[in-house]
Amino acid sequence: MKKVLFLILCLLGLLGCSVQRLNSWNADDAKSMAEKQASIILNDDWFTRSGERSPALVLAPLENFSGNGSTLFDLENALARELLLKAKVRLVRPKMEKGDLEADASFWQSCGADAVLKGQLELVPHPKMMVYRLTLEMREVQTDALLHRSQTEISKPKWQAFGSSV
């Protein structure tokens, strides 16, 4: 009887070591994604055509379609930081109300912006990986002409051991 209890306890101990949790979006993902996107944005054609003056860019609130329910505040701030560190654009950050996600051109012009950068984060279906895709689109404020469009993805295992920081 003692041997059976000992084996059951050992089995429970081993099972407890293999507890896994779903990997989710975090601040490190936001930083990594922002670094990649800032490089892509600032190395694109639209920037070389902008002339001598640094263009004024509005970073509109990003939309979250990834299903994780968290805000993309970390990603927005990391992207703004990366763009400012490169010192190639001027960022305009207007105070927006909750319903202003679909602000019109006159709203962006009143902020003094040359272009508006909008985007969305989505989760791409994959059986074993969490694949997050950020799609950014930059449009000229006055003409609504598409200046830039890019997508970046990051992948990480869907499950991670409980307690690990990967």
Protein backbone atom coordinates (compact mmCIF):
# COMPACT_ATOMS: atom_id res chain seq x y z
CA MET A 1 0.00 0.00 0.00
CA LYS A 2 2.84 2.41 0.84
CA LYS A 3 4.49 1.62 -2.49
CA VAL A 4 1.27 2.42 -4.37
CA LEU A 5 0.87 5.73 -2.53
CA PHE A 6 4.51 6.54 -3.20
CA LEU A 7 4.06 5.82 -6.94
CA ILE A 8 0.90 7.93 -7.08
CA LEU A 9 2.68 10.85 -5.38
CA CYS A 10 5.62 10.52 -7.77
CA LEU A 11 3.25 10.47 -10.75
CA LEU A 12 1.41 13.56 -9.48
CA GLY A 13 4.75 15.31 -8.95
CA LEU A 14 5.81 14.57 -12.53
CA LEU A 15 2.48 15.72 -13.91
CA GLY A 16 2.78 18.93 -11.93
CA CYS A 17 6.11 19.68 -13.60
CA SER A 18 4.57 19.57 -17.05
CA VAL A 19 1.88 22.21 -16.51
CA GLN A 20 1.70 24.49 -19.50
CA ARG A 21 -0.01 27.75 -20.19
CA LEU A 22 -1.02 29.52 -23.35
CA ASN A 23 1.61 31.93 -24.62
CA SER A 24 0.21 35.43 -25.11
CA TRP A 25 1.14 38.88 -26.39
CA ASN A 26 3.52 40.73 -24.05
CA ALA A 27 5.69 43.86 -23.82
CA ASP A 28 8.70 42.09 -25.37
CA ASP A 29 6.59 41.22 -28.40
CA ALA A 30 5.50 44.85 -28.67
CA LYS A 31 9.08 46.10 -28.55
CA SER A 32 10.30 43.59 -31.11
CA MET A 33 7.43 44.32 -33.47
CA ALA A 34 7.91 48.09 -33.12
CA GLU A 35 11.63 47.86 -33.93
CA LYS A 36 10.95 45.86 -37.08
CA GLN A 37 8.14 48.10 -38.28
CA ALA A 38 9.98 51.37 -37.60
CA SER A 39 12.90 50.19 -39.74
CA ILE A 40 10.56 49.17 -42.55
CA ILE A 41 8.62 52.44 -42.42
CA LEU A 42 11.66 54.70 -42.41
CA ASN A 43 13.50 52.81 -45.16
CA ASP A 44 10.57 52.96 -47.57
CA ASP A 45 10.12 55.20 -50.66
CA TRP A 46 7.53 57.46 -49.07
CA PHE A 47 10.11 58.91 -46.72
CA THR A 48 12.65 59.83 -49.41
CA ARG A 49 9.89 61.63 -51.35
CA SER A 50 8.87 63.71 -48.33
CA GLY A 51 11.38 66.48 -49.09
CA GLU A 52 13.70 68.41 -46.83
CA ARG A 53 11.29 68.84 -43.95
CA SER A 54 10.67 65.93 -41.61
CA PRO A 55 7.10 64.79 -42.19
CA ALA A 56 4.59 65.11 -39.36
CA LEU A 57 3.09 61.73 -38.67
CA VAL A 58 0.04 60.88 -36.58
CA LEU A 59 -0.01 57.44 -35.02
CA ALA A 60 -3.69 56.53 -34.83
CA PRO A 61 -4.75 54.03 -32.15
CA LEU A 62 -4.03 50.51 -33.34
CA GLU A 63 -6.90 48.04 -33.60
CA ASN A 64 -6.63 44.71 -31.81
CA PHE A 65 -8.08 41.70 -33.64
CA SER A 66 -5.82 39.18 -31.93
CA GLY A 67 -8.48 38.03 -29.48
CA ASN A 68 -6.30 38.48 -26.40
CA GLY A 69 -8.36 41.38 -25.09
CA SER A 70 -5.42 43.54 -24.06
CA THR A 71 -4.85 47.04 -25.34
CA LEU A 72 -2.03 47.82 -27.71
CA PHE A 73 -0.80 50.75 -25.65
CA ASP A 74 2.67 49.16 -25.26
CA LEU A 75 2.94 48.61 -29.01
CA GLU A 76 1.81 52.16 -29.83
CA ASN A 77 4.32 53.66 -27.39
CA ALA A 78 7.15 51.40 -28.56
CA LEU A 79 6.45 52.29 -32.20
CA ALA A 80 6.34 56.01 -31.39
CA ARG A 81 9.60 55.69 -29.46
CA GLU A 82 11.36 53.88 -32.30
CA LEU A 83 10.20 56.44 -34.87
CA LEU A 84 11.37 59.31 -32.67
CA LEU A 85 14.73 57.68 -31.92
CA LYS A 86 15.47 57.52 -35.63
CA ALA A 87 14.78 61.32 -35.66
CA LYS A 88 13.39 61.24 -39.19
CA VAL A 89 9.77 62.11 -38.47
CA ARG A 90 7.86 64.44 -36.22
CA LEU A 91 5.14 62.68 -34.28
CA VAL A 92 1.83 64.34 -33.62
CA ARG A 93 -0.14 62.68 -30.82
CA PRO A 94 -3.57 64.33 -30.62
CA LYS A 95 -5.78 63.69 -27.65
CA MET A 96 -8.46 61.36 -28.93
CA GLU A 97 -11.76 60.35 -27.49
CA LYS A 98 -12.91 56.73 -27.55
CA GLY A 99 -15.00 57.10 -30.70
CA ASP A 100 -12.31 58.92 -32.71
CA LEU A 101 -10.67 55.79 -34.13
CA GLU A 102 -12.20 56.58 -37.52
CA ALA A 103 -11.38 60.28 -37.46
CA ASP A 104 -11.67 62.04 -40.80
CA ALA A 105 -9.05 63.97 -42.77
CA SER A 106 -10.08 67.34 -41.29
CA PHE A 107 -9.37 66.01 -37.79
CA TRP A 108 -5.88 64.86 -38.80
CA GLN A 109 -5.20 68.14 -40.67
CA SER A 110 -6.21 70.16 -37.63
CA CYS A 111 -3.48 68.30 -35.73
CA GLY A 112 -0.89 69.49 -38.26
CA ALA A 113 -0.22 66.03 -39.65
CA ASP A 114 1.10 65.25 -43.14
CA ALA A 115 0.30 61.55 -42.86
CA VAL A 116 -1.61 59.18 -40.62
CA LEU A 117 -0.37 55.72 -39.66
CA LYS A 118 -3.12 53.23 -38.87
CA GLY A 119 -2.79 49.58 -38.13
CA GLN A 120 -4.17 46.39 -36.72
CA LEU A 121 -2.82 43.39 -34.86
CA GLU A 122 -4.32 40.02 -35.64
CA LEU A 123 -3.69 36.43 -34.67
CA VAL A 124 -3.01 34.18 -37.66
CA PRO A 125 -4.39 30.65 -37.21
CA HIS A 126 -1.64 28.05 -36.77
CA PRO A 127 -1.85 24.67 -35.01
CA LYS A 128 1.35 24.93 -32.94
CA MET A 129 2.40 28.57 -32.96
CA MET A 130 1.04 31.92 -31.87
CA VAL A 131 1.55 34.04 -34.98
CA TYR A 132 0.86 37.73 -34.49
CA ARG A 133 0.65 39.88 -37.63
CA LEU A 134 0.84 43.67 -37.51
CA THR A 135 -0.40 45.44 -40.62
CA LEU A 136 0.35 49.15 -40.90
CA GLU A 137 -0.94 51.54 -43.52
CA MET A 138 0.15 55.14 -43.94
CA ARG A 139 -2.01 57.58 -45.87
CA GLU A 140 -1.44 61.18 -46.84
CA VAL A 141 -3.86 63.35 -44.90
CA GLN A 142 -4.93 65.73 -47.67
CA THR A 143 -5.36 63.27 -50.56
CA ASP A 144 -5.84 59.97 -48.71
CA ALA A 145 -3.19 58.51 -51.04
CA LEU A 146 -1.52 55.34 -49.82
CA LEU A 147 2.08 56.16 -48.91
CA HIS A 148 3.11 52.92 -47.26
CA ARG A 149 1.75 49.49 -46.39
CA SER A 150 3.63 46.76 -44.57
CA GLN A 151 3.09 43.62 -42.53
CA THR A 152 5.31 42.08 -39.91
CA GLU A 153 4.81 38.79 -38.12
CA ILE A 154 6.26 37.31 -34.99
CA SER A 155 5.82 33.69 -33.98
CA LYS A 156 6.25 31.89 -30.72
CA PRO A 157 5.24 28.48 -29.41
CA LYS A 158 1.56 28.26 -28.54
CA TRP A 159 2.25 26.61 -25.19
CA GLN A 160 4.97 27.36 -22.69
CA ALA A 161 5.84 25.66 -19.44
CA PHE A 162 4.18 27.33 -16.47
CA GLY A 163 6.67 29.59 -14.74
CA SER A 164 9.03 29.95 -17.71
CA SER A 165 9.68 33.45 -19.03
CA VAL A 166 10.21 32.63 -22.71
